[in-house]
Amino acid sequence: EPDETFFFNISSPSGATIADGQGLGTILNDDGPSGPTVSINDASLIEGNSGQTYMRFTLSLSQASSSSTSVNLTTSDGTATSGTDYLAKTNFAKSIPAGSTSVGFVVPVVGDTAVEGNETFFVDLSSPVGLAILDGHGIGTIVDDD
């Protein structure tokens, strides 16, 4: 449930004047989401000199769900560039089967021999179905080996 509010009114003072006769009380909801929450980890991978390697990320649920859940994944550039350093994913739907508490997925990383230092990209979660997002921002670090 959302936060709830109520008013407290005072009247008929004795030996005083009422400057503000109404107070507002707020009951804060501290229950959190009613179902499972999902978080994404940070990951790193040594780049390699050619071809593709696969950086593995994990979606972790706070508790198993009795039904299938899903969330969308979208990558974005940090210091790494999509198409050159890694292959982008846009609104990629990832299902988490009923009874599971984690599921993995990969982002292809493109190897090269350029000396460029470590580079980063991001994976963000959106559009959850059957769960709430607790930590929806993963950082992928491509470790330069040149």
N, C-alpha and C. Protein backbone atom coordinates (compact mmCIF):
# COMPACT_ATOMS: atom_id res chain seq x y z
N GLU A 1 0.84 -1.18 0.00
CA GLU A 1 0.00 0.00 0.00
C GLU A 1 0.88 1.24 0.00
N PRO A 2 0.38 2.33 -0.50
CA PRO A 2 1.18 3.57 -0.49
C PRO A 2 1.21 4.19 0.91
N ASP A 3 2.02 5.24 1.08
CA ASP A 3 2.01 6.00 2.33
C ASP A 3 0.59 6.52 2.55
N GLU A 4 0.20 6.65 3.83
CA GLU A 4 -1.15 7.14 4.15
C GLU A 4 -1.05 8.39 5.02
N THR A 5 -2.00 9.28 4.86
CA THR A 5 -1.98 10.53 5.64
C THR A 5 -3.30 10.69 6.40
N PHE A 6 -3.22 11.47 7.46
CA PHE A 6 -4.42 11.82 8.23
C PHE A 6 -4.21 13.22 8.81
N PHE A 7 -5.30 13.87 9.21
CA PHE A 7 -5.26 15.20 9.80
C PHE A 7 -5.65 15.13 11.26
N PHE A 8 -5.06 16.01 12.05
CA PHE A 8 -5.40 16.15 13.46
C PHE A 8 -5.79 17.61 13.66
N ASN A 9 -7.01 17.84 14.09
CA ASN A 9 -7.52 19.20 14.26
C ASN A 9 -7.65 19.54 15.74
N ILE A 10 -7.29 20.77 16.09
CA ILE A 10 -7.49 21.26 17.46
C ILE A 10 -8.45 22.44 17.43
N SER A 11 -9.20 22.56 18.51
CA SER A 11 -10.17 23.65 18.59
C SER A 11 -10.43 23.98 20.06
N SER A 12 -11.12 25.07 20.27
CA SER A 12 -11.55 25.52 21.61
C SER A 12 -10.40 25.62 22.61
N PRO A 13 -9.42 26.47 22.31
CA PRO A 13 -8.30 26.60 23.25
C PRO A 13 -8.74 27.33 24.52
N SER A 14 -8.03 27.09 25.58
CA SER A 14 -8.29 27.78 26.84
C SER A 14 -7.04 28.58 27.19
N GLY A 15 -7.13 29.91 27.19
CA GLY A 15 -6.01 30.78 27.52
C GLY A 15 -4.95 30.86 26.43
N ALA A 16 -5.31 30.47 25.20
CA ALA A 16 -4.34 30.51 24.10
C ALA A 16 -5.08 30.82 22.81
N THR A 17 -4.30 31.15 21.78
CA THR A 17 -4.84 31.38 20.45
C THR A 17 -4.28 30.30 19.52
N ILE A 18 -5.08 29.79 18.65
CA ILE A 18 -4.63 28.77 17.70
C ILE A 18 -4.06 29.47 16.48
N ALA A 19 -2.78 29.28 16.22
CA ALA A 19 -2.15 29.85 15.03
C ALA A 19 -2.31 28.92 13.83
N ASP A 20 -2.20 27.64 14.06
CA ASP A 20 -2.37 26.65 13.00
C ASP A 20 -3.13 25.49 13.63
N GLY A 21 -4.37 25.32 13.28
CA GLY A 21 -5.24 24.37 13.95
C GLY A 21 -5.31 23.00 13.33
N GLN A 22 -4.48 22.74 12.34
CA GLN A 22 -4.53 21.42 11.71
C GLN A 22 -3.12 20.89 11.51
N GLY A 23 -2.90 19.66 11.94
CA GLY A 23 -1.63 18.97 11.72
C GLY A 23 -1.83 17.82 10.77
N LEU A 24 -0.80 17.53 10.00
CA LEU A 24 -0.84 16.44 9.03
C LEU A 24 0.08 15.33 9.52
N GLY A 25 -0.44 14.13 9.62
CA GLY A 25 0.36 12.96 9.98
C GLY A 25 0.52 12.06 8.77
N THR A 26 1.69 11.44 8.64
CA THR A 26 1.94 10.54 7.53
C THR A 26 2.40 9.19 8.06
N ILE A 27 1.75 8.14 7.65
CA ILE A 27 2.17 6.77 7.97
C ILE A 27 2.95 6.27 6.76
N LEU A 28 4.26 6.05 6.95
CA LEU A 28 5.12 5.62 5.86
C LEU A 28 5.03 4.12 5.68
N ASN A 29 4.88 3.68 4.43
CA ASN A 29 4.85 2.26 4.13
C ASN A 29 6.27 1.72 4.20
N ASP A 30 6.52 0.76 5.05
CA ASP A 30 7.86 0.17 5.15
C ASP A 30 7.86 -1.30 4.77
N ASP A 31 6.83 -1.75 4.07
CA ASP A 31 6.71 -3.15 3.74
C ASP A 31 7.49 -3.56 2.50
N GLY A 32 7.87 -2.62 1.64
CA GLY A 32 8.59 -2.96 0.42
C GLY A 32 7.69 -3.70 -0.55
N PRO A 33 8.28 -4.18 -1.66
CA PRO A 33 7.48 -4.90 -2.64
C PRO A 33 6.92 -6.19 -2.05
N SER A 34 5.76 -6.62 -2.53
CA SER A 34 5.12 -7.81 -1.98
C SER A 34 5.67 -9.10 -2.58
N GLY A 35 6.32 -9.05 -3.71
CA GLY A 35 6.86 -10.25 -4.35
C GLY A 35 8.37 -10.20 -4.43
N PRO A 36 8.93 -11.01 -5.31
CA PRO A 36 10.39 -11.04 -5.43
C PRO A 36 10.93 -9.75 -6.05
N THR A 37 12.18 -9.45 -5.71
CA THR A 37 12.90 -8.36 -6.34
C THR A 37 14.05 -8.94 -7.14
N VAL A 38 14.51 -8.21 -8.13
CA VAL A 38 15.60 -8.67 -8.99
C VAL A 38 16.75 -7.68 -8.93
N SER A 39 17.97 -8.21 -8.97
CA SER A 39 19.19 -7.40 -9.01
C SER A 39 20.10 -7.97 -10.10
N ILE A 40 20.91 -7.11 -10.67
CA ILE A 40 21.91 -7.53 -11.65
C ILE A 40 23.29 -7.28 -11.06
N ASN A 41 24.23 -8.17 -11.36
CA ASN A 41 25.60 -8.02 -10.86
C ASN A 41 26.44 -7.18 -11.82
N ASP A 42 27.63 -6.79 -11.38
CA ASP A 42 28.66 -6.22 -12.23
C ASP A 42 29.51 -7.39 -12.72
N ALA A 43 30.15 -7.24 -13.88
CA ALA A 43 30.96 -8.33 -14.44
C ALA A 43 32.19 -7.75 -15.11
N SER A 44 33.21 -8.59 -15.28
CA SER A 44 34.39 -8.19 -16.03
C SER A 44 34.91 -9.38 -16.82
N LEU A 45 35.66 -9.08 -17.87
CA LEU A 45 36.16 -10.12 -18.75
C LEU A 45 37.40 -9.61 -19.47
N ILE A 46 38.41 -10.46 -19.61
CA ILE A 46 39.59 -10.10 -20.41
C ILE A 46 39.18 -10.11 -21.88
N GLU A 47 39.54 -9.06 -22.58
CA GLU A 47 39.05 -8.80 -23.93
C GLU A 47 39.41 -9.88 -24.96
N GLY A 48 40.65 -10.31 -25.01
CA GLY A 48 41.09 -11.20 -26.09
C GLY A 48 41.55 -10.39 -27.29
N ASN A 49 42.24 -11.05 -28.20
CA ASN A 49 42.83 -10.34 -29.34
C ASN A 49 42.01 -10.39 -30.62
N SER A 50 41.05 -11.31 -30.69
CA SER A 50 40.21 -11.39 -31.89
C SER A 50 38.94 -12.17 -31.55
N GLY A 51 37.98 -12.12 -32.47
CA GLY A 51 36.75 -12.85 -32.27
C GLY A 51 35.92 -12.30 -31.12
N GLN A 52 35.06 -13.15 -30.60
CA GLN A 52 34.17 -12.74 -29.51
C GLN A 52 34.37 -13.63 -28.29
N THR A 53 34.32 -13.00 -27.14
CA THR A 53 34.21 -13.72 -25.87
C THR A 53 32.90 -13.25 -25.25
N TYR A 54 32.45 -13.92 -24.19
CA TYR A 54 31.11 -13.64 -23.68
C TYR A 54 31.16 -13.28 -22.21
N MET A 55 30.79 -12.03 -21.92
CA MET A 55 30.72 -11.56 -20.55
C MET A 55 29.39 -12.02 -19.96
N ARG A 56 29.49 -12.73 -18.83
CA ARG A 56 28.30 -13.30 -18.20
C ARG A 56 27.81 -12.42 -17.06
N PHE A 57 26.54 -12.07 -17.11
CA PHE A 57 25.85 -11.35 -16.05
C PHE A 57 24.83 -12.30 -15.43
N THR A 58 24.45 -12.03 -14.19
CA THR A 58 23.45 -12.84 -13.50
C THR A 58 22.35 -11.95 -12.95
N LEU A 59 21.11 -12.36 -13.18
CA LEU A 59 19.96 -11.74 -12.55
C LEU A 59 19.62 -12.60 -11.34
N SER A 60 19.58 -11.99 -10.16
CA SER A 60 19.30 -12.71 -8.92
C SER A 60 17.98 -12.23 -8.33
N LEU A 61 17.13 -13.17 -7.97
CA LEU A 61 15.86 -12.86 -7.33
C LEU A 61 15.99 -13.01 -5.82
N SER A 62 15.27 -12.18 -5.09
CA SER A 62 15.28 -12.24 -3.63
C SER A 62 14.59 -13.49 -3.12
N GLN A 63 13.69 -14.04 -3.92
CA GLN A 63 12.98 -15.27 -3.58
C GLN A 63 12.43 -15.86 -4.87
N ALA A 64 12.23 -17.15 -4.88
CA ALA A 64 11.65 -17.79 -6.06
C ALA A 64 10.19 -17.36 -6.21
N SER A 65 9.76 -17.26 -7.43
CA SER A 65 8.37 -16.92 -7.72
C SER A 65 7.63 -18.19 -8.12
N SER A 66 6.35 -18.25 -7.85
CA SER A 66 5.55 -19.42 -8.23
C SER A 66 5.15 -19.38 -9.70
N SER A 67 5.42 -18.25 -10.36
CA SER A 67 5.12 -18.14 -11.79
C SER A 67 6.32 -17.52 -12.49
N SER A 68 6.34 -17.65 -13.80
CA SER A 68 7.42 -17.09 -14.59
C SER A 68 7.42 -15.57 -14.49
N THR A 69 8.61 -14.98 -14.41
CA THR A 69 8.76 -13.53 -14.37
C THR A 69 9.69 -13.12 -15.50
N SER A 70 9.76 -11.83 -15.77
CA SER A 70 10.67 -11.37 -16.82
C SER A 70 11.07 -9.92 -16.58
N VAL A 71 12.13 -9.53 -17.26
CA VAL A 71 12.61 -8.16 -17.21
C VAL A 71 13.32 -7.88 -18.54
N ASN A 72 13.31 -6.64 -18.97
CA ASN A 72 14.01 -6.27 -20.19
C ASN A 72 15.41 -5.76 -19.85
N LEU A 73 16.36 -6.02 -20.76
CA LEU A 73 17.75 -5.60 -20.61
C LEU A 73 18.13 -4.69 -21.77
N THR A 74 18.82 -3.61 -21.47
CA THR A 74 19.33 -2.72 -22.50
C THR A 74 20.75 -2.31 -22.14
N THR A 75 21.67 -2.43 -23.08
CA THR A 75 23.05 -2.00 -22.85
C THR A 75 23.23 -0.56 -23.31
N SER A 76 24.22 0.10 -22.74
CA SER A 76 24.57 1.45 -23.18
C SER A 76 26.07 1.65 -23.00
N ASP A 77 26.63 2.55 -23.80
CA ASP A 77 28.07 2.81 -23.77
C ASP A 77 28.49 3.55 -22.52
N GLY A 78 29.62 3.14 -21.97
CA GLY A 78 30.37 3.93 -20.99
C GLY A 78 31.57 4.43 -21.78
N THR A 79 32.73 3.88 -21.49
CA THR A 79 33.91 4.18 -22.30
C THR A 79 34.05 3.19 -23.45
N ALA A 80 33.34 2.06 -23.39
CA ALA A 80 33.30 1.09 -24.48
C ALA A 80 32.24 1.52 -25.49
N THR A 81 32.45 1.17 -26.74
CA THR A 81 31.54 1.54 -27.82
C THR A 81 30.85 0.31 -28.38
N SER A 82 29.50 0.35 -28.43
CA SER A 82 28.77 -0.78 -28.99
C SER A 82 29.12 -0.93 -30.47
N GLY A 83 29.18 -2.18 -30.91
CA GLY A 83 29.53 -2.47 -32.29
C GLY A 83 31.03 -2.61 -32.50
N THR A 84 31.83 -1.92 -31.69
CA THR A 84 33.29 -1.99 -31.78
C THR A 84 33.88 -2.81 -30.65
N ASP A 85 33.43 -2.55 -29.42
CA ASP A 85 33.98 -3.22 -28.24
C ASP A 85 33.06 -4.32 -27.71
N TYR A 86 31.77 -4.19 -27.90
CA TYR A 86 30.78 -5.19 -27.46
C TYR A 86 29.57 -5.08 -28.37
N LEU A 87 28.70 -6.09 -28.32
CA LEU A 87 27.50 -6.07 -29.14
C LEU A 87 26.30 -5.72 -28.27
N ALA A 88 25.60 -4.69 -28.65
CA ALA A 88 24.51 -4.12 -27.85
C ALA A 88 23.29 -5.03 -27.79
N LYS A 89 22.54 -4.87 -26.72
CA LYS A 89 21.22 -5.49 -26.55
C LYS A 89 20.25 -4.35 -26.25
N THR A 90 19.10 -4.35 -26.94
CA THR A 90 18.11 -3.30 -26.72
C THR A 90 16.76 -3.94 -26.42
N ASN A 91 16.21 -3.63 -25.23
CA ASN A 91 14.93 -4.19 -24.80
C ASN A 91 14.87 -5.70 -25.00
N PHE A 92 15.96 -6.36 -24.64
CA PHE A 92 16.06 -7.81 -24.72
C PHE A 92 15.31 -8.41 -23.53
N ALA A 93 14.22 -9.14 -23.80
CA ALA A 93 13.41 -9.71 -22.72
C ALA A 93 14.08 -10.98 -22.20
N LYS A 94 14.27 -11.03 -20.88
CA LYS A 94 14.86 -12.20 -20.24
C LYS A 94 13.85 -12.77 -19.26
N SER A 95 13.45 -14.02 -19.48
CA SER A 95 12.50 -14.70 -18.60
C SER A 95 13.24 -15.41 -17.48
N ILE A 96 12.60 -15.47 -16.34
CA ILE A 96 13.12 -16.19 -15.18
C ILE A 96 12.06 -17.23 -14.84
N PRO A 97 12.36 -18.51 -15.03
CA PRO A 97 11.35 -19.55 -14.83
C PRO A 97 10.84 -19.61 -13.39
N ALA A 98 9.61 -20.05 -13.22
CA ALA A 98 9.03 -20.25 -11.89
C ALA A 98 9.94 -21.17 -11.09
N GLY A 99 10.13 -20.84 -9.81
CA GLY A 99 10.96 -21.65 -8.93
C GLY A 99 12.44 -21.31 -8.95
N SER A 100 12.87 -20.49 -9.90
CA SER A 100 14.30 -20.13 -10.01
C SER A 100 14.61 -18.88 -9.18
N THR A 101 15.84 -18.79 -8.70
CA THR A 101 16.28 -17.59 -7.99
C THR A 101 17.38 -16.85 -8.73
N SER A 102 17.83 -17.40 -9.86
CA SER A 102 18.81 -16.69 -10.67
C SER A 102 18.78 -17.22 -12.10
N VAL A 103 19.22 -16.38 -13.00
CA VAL A 103 19.35 -16.75 -14.40
C VAL A 103 20.46 -15.90 -15.00
N GLY A 104 21.24 -16.48 -15.89
CA GLY A 104 22.34 -15.74 -16.50
C GLY A 104 22.05 -15.36 -17.93
N PHE A 105 22.82 -14.43 -18.42
CA PHE A 105 22.79 -14.05 -19.83
C PHE A 105 24.17 -13.50 -20.18
N VAL A 106 24.48 -13.45 -21.47
CA VAL A 106 25.80 -12.98 -21.90
C VAL A 106 25.69 -11.79 -22.82
N VAL A 107 26.75 -10.99 -22.80
CA VAL A 107 26.92 -9.89 -23.75
C VAL A 107 28.23 -10.18 -24.50
N PRO A 108 28.18 -10.32 -25.84
CA PRO A 108 29.39 -10.58 -26.59
C PRO A 108 30.36 -9.39 -26.54
N VAL A 109 31.63 -9.70 -26.29
CA VAL A 109 32.71 -8.71 -26.26
C VAL A 109 33.60 -8.98 -27.46
N VAL A 110 33.98 -7.94 -28.19
CA VAL A 110 34.77 -8.06 -29.41
C VAL A 110 36.25 -7.84 -29.08
N GLY A 111 37.08 -8.85 -29.38
CA GLY A 111 38.51 -8.76 -29.11
C GLY A 111 39.25 -7.94 -30.16
N ASP A 112 40.35 -7.30 -29.74
CA ASP A 112 41.21 -6.56 -30.66
C ASP A 112 42.61 -6.47 -30.05
N THR A 113 43.53 -5.92 -30.81
CA THR A 113 44.91 -5.78 -30.32
C THR A 113 45.28 -4.33 -30.04
N ALA A 114 44.30 -3.45 -29.99
CA ALA A 114 44.56 -2.03 -29.71
C ALA A 114 44.86 -1.85 -28.22
N VAL A 115 45.87 -1.03 -27.93
CA VAL A 115 46.16 -0.68 -26.55
C VAL A 115 45.23 0.47 -26.18
N GLU A 116 44.26 0.22 -25.31
CA GLU A 116 43.22 1.22 -25.06
C GLU A 116 42.81 1.34 -23.59
N GLY A 117 43.37 0.54 -22.74
CA GLY A 117 42.96 0.58 -21.34
C GLY A 117 41.64 -0.14 -21.13
N ASN A 118 41.26 -0.33 -19.89
CA ASN A 118 39.97 -0.98 -19.58
C ASN A 118 38.82 -0.08 -20.02
N GLU A 119 37.74 -0.71 -20.47
CA GLU A 119 36.57 0.03 -20.93
C GLU A 119 35.32 -0.52 -20.26
N THR A 120 34.29 0.31 -20.16
CA THR A 120 33.05 -0.11 -19.50
C THR A 120 31.84 0.12 -20.38
N PHE A 121 30.82 -0.68 -20.13
CA PHE A 121 29.48 -0.46 -20.69
C PHE A 121 28.50 -0.80 -19.57
N PHE A 122 27.24 -0.51 -19.78
CA PHE A 122 26.23 -0.69 -18.75
C PHE A 122 25.10 -1.58 -19.25
N VAL A 123 24.49 -2.31 -18.32
CA VAL A 123 23.29 -3.09 -18.60
C VAL A 123 22.23 -2.61 -17.62
N ASP A 124 21.12 -2.11 -18.14
CA ASP A 124 20.04 -1.60 -17.30
C ASP A 124 18.79 -2.44 -17.47
N LEU A 125 18.10 -2.65 -16.36
CA LEU A 125 16.87 -3.43 -16.34
C LEU A 125 15.66 -2.50 -16.41
N SER A 126 14.60 -2.96 -17.08
CA SER A 126 13.36 -2.19 -17.17
C SER A 126 12.19 -3.14 -17.39
N SER A 127 10.99 -2.61 -17.32
CA SER A 127 9.75 -3.32 -17.63
C SER A 127 9.63 -4.67 -16.92
N PRO A 128 9.72 -4.67 -15.58
CA PRO A 128 9.61 -5.95 -14.87
C PRO A 128 8.18 -6.50 -14.92
N VAL A 129 8.07 -7.82 -15.01
CA VAL A 129 6.78 -8.51 -14.97
C VAL A 129 6.85 -9.55 -13.86
N GLY A 130 6.00 -9.38 -12.84
CA GLY A 130 5.94 -10.33 -11.74
C GLY A 130 7.01 -10.15 -10.69
N LEU A 131 7.72 -9.06 -10.73
CA LEU A 131 8.76 -8.77 -9.74
C LEU A 131 9.03 -7.27 -9.74
N ALA A 132 9.85 -6.82 -8.80
CA ALA A 132 10.26 -5.41 -8.72
C ALA A 132 11.77 -5.34 -8.88
N ILE A 133 12.26 -4.25 -9.43
CA ILE A 133 13.70 -4.07 -9.62
C ILE A 133 14.29 -3.46 -8.35
N LEU A 134 15.26 -4.15 -7.76
CA LEU A 134 15.97 -3.65 -6.59
C LEU A 134 17.26 -2.94 -7.02
N ASP A 135 18.09 -3.61 -7.83
CA ASP A 135 19.32 -3.02 -8.38
C ASP A 135 19.29 -3.28 -9.86
N GLY A 136 18.98 -2.27 -10.64
CA GLY A 136 18.77 -2.43 -12.07
C GLY A 136 19.88 -1.90 -12.94
N HIS A 137 21.10 -1.72 -12.39
CA HIS A 137 22.20 -1.14 -13.16
C HIS A 137 23.45 -2.00 -12.99
N GLY A 138 23.84 -2.70 -14.03
CA GLY A 138 25.06 -3.51 -14.02
C GLY A 138 26.15 -2.83 -14.81
N ILE A 139 27.40 -3.01 -14.36
CA ILE A 139 28.55 -2.44 -15.05
C ILE A 139 29.39 -3.57 -15.60
N GLY A 140 29.65 -3.53 -16.90
CA GLY A 140 30.53 -4.50 -17.54
C GLY A 140 31.88 -3.86 -17.80
N THR A 141 32.95 -4.48 -17.31
CA THR A 141 34.30 -3.96 -17.52
C THR A 141 35.06 -4.88 -18.46
N ILE A 142 35.48 -4.35 -19.59
CA ILE A 142 36.30 -5.08 -20.55
C ILE A 142 37.75 -4.80 -20.19
N VAL A 143 38.45 -5.82 -19.74
CA VAL A 143 39.84 -5.68 -19.28
C VAL A 143 40.77 -5.81 -20.48
N ASP A 144 41.51 -4.73 -20.77
CA ASP A 144 42.43 -4.72 -21.90
C ASP A 144 43.62 -5.61 -21.60
N ASP A 145 43.97 -6.45 -22.56
CA ASP A 145 45.12 -7.36 -22.39
C ASP A 145 46.23 -7.07 -23.40
N ASP A 146 46.23 -5.89 -24.00
CA ASP A 146 47.24 -5.58 -25.04
C ASP A 146 48.37 -4.73 -24.49
